[in-house]
Protein backbone atom coordinates (compact mmCIF):
# COMPACT_ATOMS: atom_id res chain seq x y z
CA MET A 1 11.58 -2.22 23.78
CA ARG A 2 14.31 -5.24 23.62
CA THR A 3 11.26 -7.67 24.92
CA TYR A 4 9.61 -7.04 21.60
CA HIS A 5 12.63 -6.63 19.71
CA LYS A 6 13.42 -10.46 20.54
CA ARG A 7 9.46 -11.71 20.20
CA THR A 8 9.39 -10.31 16.34
CA TRP A 9 12.93 -9.66 15.27
CA SER A 10 12.44 -6.23 14.34
CA ARG A 11 13.44 -2.84 15.07
CA ILE A 12 11.75 -0.16 16.26
CA LYS A 13 12.24 2.72 14.62
CA ILE A 14 12.18 6.02 16.56
CA ARG A 15 11.29 9.03 14.89
CA GLN A 16 13.10 12.90 15.13
CA CYS A 17 10.71 14.37 12.69
CA LYS A 18 8.25 16.10 15.07
CA TYR A 19 5.37 16.07 12.18
CA LEU A 20 5.53 12.78 11.50
CA ASN A 21 5.24 12.05 15.48
CA ASN A 22 2.39 14.11 15.23
CA ARG A 23 0.78 12.11 12.64
CA ILE A 24 1.09 9.20 14.32
CA GLU A 25 -0.25 10.43 17.88
CA GLY A 26 -2.96 11.75 16.27
CA ASN A 27 -4.24 8.50 14.33
CA HIS A 28 -4.21 6.97 17.58
CA ARG A 29 -5.66 9.10 19.56
CA PHE A 30 -8.75 8.19 19.35
CA ALA A 31 -7.24 4.80 20.56
CA LYS A 32 -5.65 6.05 23.65
CA TRP A 33 -9.52 7.72 24.17
CA ARG A 34 -11.31 4.80 24.01
CA MET A 35 -8.34 2.59 26.23
CA ARG A 36 -8.42 5.75 29.20
CA ASN A 37 -11.04 3.39 31.30
CA VAL A 38 -9.78 -0.17 30.31
CA PRO A 39 -7.66 -1.13 34.40
CA GLY A 40 -5.16 -2.65 32.13
CA PHE A 41 -4.09 -5.72 30.81
CA LYS A 42 -1.49 -8.74 32.48
CA ASN A 43 -0.65 -10.78 28.64
CA PHE A 44 0.78 -8.85 25.44
CA GLU A 45 -1.95 -10.85 23.47
CA PRO A 46 -5.61 -9.94 24.87
CA ALA A 47 -4.31 -6.15 24.95
CA SER A 48 -2.46 -6.10 21.36
CA ARG A 49 -6.43 -8.41 19.93
CA THR A 50 -8.19 -5.16 21.57
CA LEU A 51 -6.25 -2.81 20.15
CA THR A 52 -6.98 -3.92 16.48
CA GLY A 53 -10.64 -4.57 17.08
CA ILE A 54 -11.01 -0.72 17.93
CA GLU A 55 -8.13 0.11 15.77
CA ILE A 56 -10.62 -1.83 12.77
CA VAL A 57 -13.96 -0.15 14.41
CA ARG A 58 -11.86 3.14 13.36
CA MET A 59 -10.59 2.12 10.16
CA ILE A 60 -14.74 1.13 9.12
CA LYS A 61 -16.09 4.47 10.19
CA LYS A 62 -12.99 6.02 8.46
CA GLU A 63 -14.30 4.01 5.43
CA GLN A 64 -10.89 3.10 4.99
CA VAL A 65 -12.13 -0.38 3.75
CA ALA A 66 -12.11 -1.12 0.11
CA SER A 67 -15.30 -3.71 -0.40
CA PRO A 68 -18.34 -0.96 -0.45
CA MET A 69 -20.56 -3.94 -1.23
CA ALA A 70 -19.81 -6.08 2.26
CA THR A 71 -21.71 -5.23 5.38
CA TYR A 72 -20.29 -3.97 8.22
CA PHE A 73 -19.93 -7.34 10.01
CA LYS A 74 -17.96 -8.87 6.99
CA MET A 75 -15.97 -6.21 6.78
CA PHE A 76 -15.23 -6.69 10.66
CA CYS A 77 -15.13 -10.32 10.48
CA SER A 78 -12.45 -10.07 7.12
CA LEU A 79 -10.40 -7.86 8.88
CA GLY A 80 -9.74 -9.23 12.31
CA VAL A 81 -8.30 -12.17 10.91
C-alpha cells in the first residue's frame, strides 16, 4: 500500500463496515474468477490493463454503458481509452 500511495499520491480507505466490503467484493467476484487461471504479472501496467478490460466487458454485459445506439466494439473502444 505504501508503494501505491507513493505512485498515486492518494490514500486508500479501509472500510470497517462489512456491508460495504461485501458489496465491493461481490462486484469484483467475476474479475477474480476470470483471473484465477492467470499465472501472474511481473509489472503493474499489464495487470492494470487486463483488469480494466475485464471490468469493461462486465460493464457492457450488465448494460451499464449509456449509449444504446453504439455497437459493442465501439463501446469497448470508448471505455478503454
